[in-house]
PDB file of N, CA and C in Angstrom:
ATOM      1  N   MET A   1      87.204 207.778 155.884  1.00  0.00           N
ATOM      2  CA  MET A   1      87.590 209.070 156.421  1.00  0.00           C
ATOM      3  C   MET A   1      88.428 208.903 157.692  1.00  0.00           C
ATOM      4  N   ALA A   2      88.137 207.859 158.481  1.00  0.00           N
ATOM      5  CA  ALA A   2      88.889 207.643 159.717  1.00  0.00           C
ATOM      6  C   ALA A   2      90.349 207.324 159.407  1.00  0.00           C
ATOM      7  N   LEU A   3      90.581 206.594 158.305  1.00  0.00           N
ATOM      8  CA  LEU A   3      91.947 206.262 157.925  1.00  0.00           C
ATOM      9  C   LEU A   3      92.729 207.532 157.595  1.00  0.00           C
ATOM     10  N   ARG A   4      92.085 208.462 156.930  1.00  0.00           N
ATOM     11  CA  ARG A   4      92.758 209.712 156.577  1.00  0.00           C
ATOM     12  C   ARG A   4      93.120 210.502 157.834  1.00  0.00           C
ATOM     13  N   LYS A   5      92.216 210.539 158.804  1.00  0.00           N
ATOM     14  CA  LYS A   5      92.495 211.247 160.054  1.00  0.00           C
ATOM     15  C   LYS A   5      93.642 210.575 160.791  1.00  0.00           C
ATOM     16  N   TYR A   6      93.662 209.238 160.800  1.00  0.00           N
ATOM     17  CA  TYR A   6      94.737 208.500 161.469  1.00  0.00           C
ATOM     18  C   TYR A   6      96.082 208.802 160.815  1.00  0.00           C
ATOM     19  N   ARG A   7      96.102 208.836 159.491  1.00  0.00           N
ATOM     20  CA  ARG A   7      97.351 209.119 158.781  1.00  0.00           C
ATOM     21  C   ARG A   7      97.819 210.539 159.080  1.00  0.00           C
ATOM     22  N   THR A   8      96.900 211.477 159.154  1.00  0.00           N
ATOM     23  CA  THR A   8      97.257 212.857 159.462  1.00  0.00           C
ATOM     24  C   THR A   8      97.802 212.956 160.871  1.00  0.00           C
ATOM     25  N   ASP A   9      97.156 212.284 161.833  1.00  0.00           N
ATOM     26  CA  ASP A   9      97.639 212.301 163.213  1.00  0.00           C
ATOM     27  C   ASP A   9      99.022 211.667 163.313  1.00  0.00           C
ATOM     28  N   ALA A  10      99.235 210.592 162.564  1.00  0.00           N
ATOM     29  CA  ALA A  10     100.536 209.932 162.582  1.00  0.00           C
ATOM     30  C   ALA A  10     101.608 210.833 161.994  1.00  0.00           C
ATOM     31  N   ALA A  11     101.267 211.552 160.939  1.00  0.00           N
ATOM     32  CA  ALA A  11     102.228 212.467 160.319  1.00  0.00           C
ATOM     33  C   ALA A  11     102.577 213.608 161.268  1.00  0.00           C
ATOM     34  N   VAL A  12     101.586 214.111 161.969  1.00  0.00           N
ATOM     35  CA  VAL A  12     101.828 215.184 162.938  1.00  0.00           C
ATOM     36  C   VAL A  12     102.710 214.678 164.072  1.00  0.00           C
ATOM     37  N   ALA A  13     102.445 213.482 164.565  1.00  0.00           N
ATOM     38  CA  ALA A  13     103.241 212.909 165.652  1.00  0.00           C
ATOM     39  C   ALA A  13     104.678 212.668 165.201  1.00  0.00           C
ATOM     40  N   ALA A  14     104.851 212.175 163.981  1.00  0.00           N
ATOM     41  CA  ALA A  14     106.198 211.942 163.460  1.00  0.00           C
ATOM     42  C   ALA A  14     106.949 213.256 163.302  1.00  0.00           C
ATOM     43  N   ASN A  15     106.256 214.282 162.871  1.00  0.00           N
ATOM     44  CA  ASN A  15     106.878 215.592 162.694  1.00  0.00           C
ATOM     45  C   ASN A  15     107.299 216.164 164.041  1.00  0.00           C
ATOM     46  N   GLU A  16     106.475 216.012 165.052  1.00  0.00           N
ATOM     47  CA  GLU A  16     106.811 216.501 166.390  1.00  0.00           C
ATOM     48  C   GLU A  16     107.990 215.722 166.957  1.00  0.00           C
ATOM     49  N   ALA A  17     108.036 214.428 166.720  1.00  0.00           N
ATOM     50  CA  ALA A  17     109.142 213.608 167.215  1.00  0.00           C
ATOM     51  C   ALA A  17     110.446 214.014 166.544  1.00  0.00           C
ATOM     52  N   GLU A  18     110.368 214.363 165.263  1.00  0.00           N
ATOM     53  CA  GLU A  18     111.571 214.766 164.536  1.00  0.00           C
ATOM     54  C   GLU A  18     112.122 216.077 165.081  1.00  0.00           C
ATOM     55  N   THR A  19     111.263 217.024 165.363  1.00  0.00           N
ATOM     56  CA  THR A  19     111.737 218.298 165.890  1.00  0.00           C
ATOM     57  C   THR A  19     112.266 218.143 167.305  1.00  0.00           C
ATOM     58  N   ALA A  20     111.729 217.211 168.067  1.00  0.00           N
ATOM     59  CA  ALA A  20     112.219 216.980 169.424  1.00  0.00           C
ATOM     60  C   ALA A  20     113.619 216.369 169.388  1.00  0.00           C
ATOM     61  N   GLN A  21     113.884 215.507 168.415  1.00  0.00           N
ATOM     62  CA  GLN A  21     115.192 214.871 168.331  1.00  0.00           C
ATOM     63  C   GLN A  21     116.276 215.863 167.948  1.00  0.00           C
ATOM     64  N   THR A  22     115.942 216.879 167.194  1.00  0.00           N
ATOM     65  CA  THR A  22     116.936 217.854 166.761  1.00  0.00           C
ATOM     66  C   THR A  22     117.536 218.584 167.949  1.00  0.00           C
ATOM     67  N   GLY A  23     116.766 218.782 168.999  1.00  0.00           N
ATOM     68  CA  GLY A  23     117.267 219.489 170.166  1.00  0.00           C
ATOM     69  C   GLY A  23     117.919 218.581 171.189  1.00  0.00           C
ATOM     70  N   SER A  24     117.931 217.284 170.941  1.00  0.00           N
ATOM     71  CA  SER A  24     118.478 216.358 171.934  1.00  0.00           C
ATOM     72  C   SER A  24     120.001 216.386 171.914  1.00  0.00           C
ATOM     73  N   PRO A  25     120.627 216.133 173.060  1.00  0.00           N
ATOM     74  CA  PRO A  25     122.094 216.119 173.122  1.00  0.00           C
ATOM     75  C   PRO A  25     122.715 215.043 172.226  1.00  0.00           C
ATOM     76  N   ALA A  26     122.053 213.905 172.071  1.00  0.00           N
ATOM     77  CA  ALA A  26     122.592 212.841 171.230  1.00  0.00           C
ATOM     78  C   ALA A  26     122.736 213.299 169.777  1.00  0.00           C
ATOM     79  N   TYR A  27     121.801 214.107 169.314  1.00  0.00           N
ATOM     80  CA  TYR A  27     121.869 214.642 167.948  1.00  0.00           C
ATOM     81  C   TYR A  27     123.129 215.478 167.773  1.00  0.00           C
ATOM     82  N   TRP A  28     123.402 216.348 168.722  1.00  0.00           N
ATOM     83  CA  TRP A  28     124.566 217.237 168.622  1.00  0.00           C
ATOM     84  C   TRP A  28     125.866 216.469 168.778  1.00  0.00           C
ATOM     85  N   ILE A  29     125.882 215.432 169.620  1.00  0.00           N
ATOM     86  CA  ILE A  29     127.080 214.612 169.774  1.00  0.00           C
ATOM     87  C   ILE A  29     127.387 213.869 168.481  1.00  0.00           C
ATOM     88  N   CYS A  30     126.363 213.304 167.869  1.00  0.00           N
ATOM     89  CA  CYS A  30     126.554 212.600 166.599  1.00  0.00           C
ATOM     90  C   CYS A  30     127.019 213.558 165.505  1.00  0.00           C
ATOM     91  N   LEU A  31     126.459 214.748 165.480  1.00  0.00           N
ATOM     92  CA  LEU A  31     126.867 215.741 164.493  1.00  0.00           C
ATOM     93  C   LEU A  31     128.319 216.149 164.705  1.00  0.00           C
ATOM     94  N   ALA A  32     128.723 216.351 165.960  1.00  0.00           N
ATOM     95  CA  ALA A  32     130.108 216.716 166.265  1.00  0.00           C
ATOM     96  C   ALA A  32     131.070 215.595 165.867  1.00  0.00           C
ATOM     97  N   LEU A  33     130.678 214.340 166.139  1.00  0.00           N
ATOM     98  CA  LEU A  33     131.522 213.208 165.744  1.00  0.00           C
ATOM     99  C   LEU A  33     131.652 213.110 164.226  1.00  0.00           C
ATOM    100  N   LEU A  34     130.573 213.377 163.528  1.00  0.00           N
ATOM    101  CA  LEU A  34     130.612 213.349 162.069  1.00  0.00           C
ATOM    102  C   LEU A  34     131.555 214.428 161.530  1.00  0.00           C
ATOM    103  N   LEU A  35     131.469 215.629 162.092  1.00  0.00           N
ATOM    104  CA  LEU A  35     132.349 216.710 161.656  1.00  0.00           C
ATOM    105  C   LEU A  35     133.806 216.410 161.999  1.00  0.00           C
ATOM    106  N   ALA A  36     134.052 215.840 163.173  1.00  0.00           N
ATOM    107  CA  ALA A  36     135.421 215.501 163.563  1.00  0.00           C
ATOM    108  C   ALA A  36     135.993 214.419 162.650  1.00  0.00           C
ATOM    109  N   THR A  37     135.179 213.448 162.285  1.00  0.00           N
ATOM    110  CA  THR A  37     135.625 212.390 161.375  1.00  0.00           C
ATOM    111  C   THR A  37     135.959 212.959 160.005  1.00  0.00           C
ATOM    112  N   THR A  38     135.123 213.876 159.532  1.00  0.00           N
ATOM    113  CA  THR A  38     135.365 214.513 158.238  1.00  0.00           C
ATOM    114  C   THR A  38     136.651 215.334 158.276  1.00  0.00           C
ATOM    115  N   ALA A  39     136.863 216.076 159.362  1.00  0.00           N
ATOM    116  CA  ALA A  39     138.079 216.873 159.490  1.00  0.00           C
ATOM    117  C   ALA A  39     139.315 215.979 159.545  1.00  0.00           C
ATOM    118  N   LEU A  40     139.232 214.867 160.267  1.00  0.00           N
ATOM    119  CA  LEU A  40     140.358 213.939 160.338  1.00  0.00           C
ATOM    120  C   LEU A  40     140.642 213.316 158.976  1.00  0.00           C
ATOM    121  N   ALA A  41     139.609 212.961 158.262  1.00  0.00           N
ATOM    122  CA  ALA A  41     139.794 212.384 156.917  1.00  0.00           C
ATOM    123  C   ALA A  41     140.436 213.393 155.986  1.00  0.00           C
ATOM    124  N   ALA A  42     140.038 214.641 156.076  1.00  0.00           N
ATOM    125  CA  ALA A  42     140.636 215.676 155.236  1.00  0.00           C
ATOM    126  C   ALA A  42     142.095 215.892 155.603  1.00  0.00           C
ATOM    127  N   ARG A  43     142.406 215.826 156.877  1.00  0.00           N
ATOM    128  CA  ARG A  43     143.798 215.999 157.306  1.00  0.00           C
ATOM    129  C   ARG A  43     144.672 214.842 156.833  1.00  0.00           C
ATOM    130  N   ILE A  44     144.149 213.620 156.938  1.00  0.00           N
ATOM    131  CA  ILE A  44     144.897 212.462 156.460  1.00  0.00           C
ATOM    132  C   ILE A  44     145.094 212.533 154.938  1.00  0.00           C
ATOM    133  N   ALA A  45     144.062 212.938 154.230  1.00  0.00           N
ATOM    134  CA  ALA A  45     144.151 213.038 152.773  1.00  0.00           C
ATOM    135  C   ALA A  45     145.156 214.107 152.352  1.00  0.00           C
ATOM    136  N   SER A  46     145.274 215.167 153.145  1.00  0.00           N
ATOM    137  CA  SER A  46     146.207 216.239 152.781  1.00  0.00           C
ATOM    138  C   SER A  46     147.656 215.808 152.986  1.00  0.00           C
ATOM    139  N   LEU A  47     147.890 214.820 153.853  1.00  0.00           N
ATOM    140  CA  LEU A  47     149.257 214.334 154.074  1.00  0.00           C
ATOM    141  C   LEU A  47     149.760 213.489 152.899  1.00  0.00           C
ATOM    142  N   TRP A  48     148.819 212.878 152.162  1.00  0.00           N
ATOM    143  CA  TRP A  48     149.234 212.035 151.038  1.00  0.00           C
ATOM    144  C   TRP A  48     149.543 212.879 149.895  1.00  0.00           C
TER     145      TRP A  48
END
């Protein structure tokens, strides 16, 4: 039973860590870079 409680606590901690990362500035910077890269790739592809 202790193993089950440990796994549940670990899952809760991982879930909280995931939601905390979504609000971090690094998350938004990476997302913006990904969108900019996609836009640049689309622009280059449209020139060909």
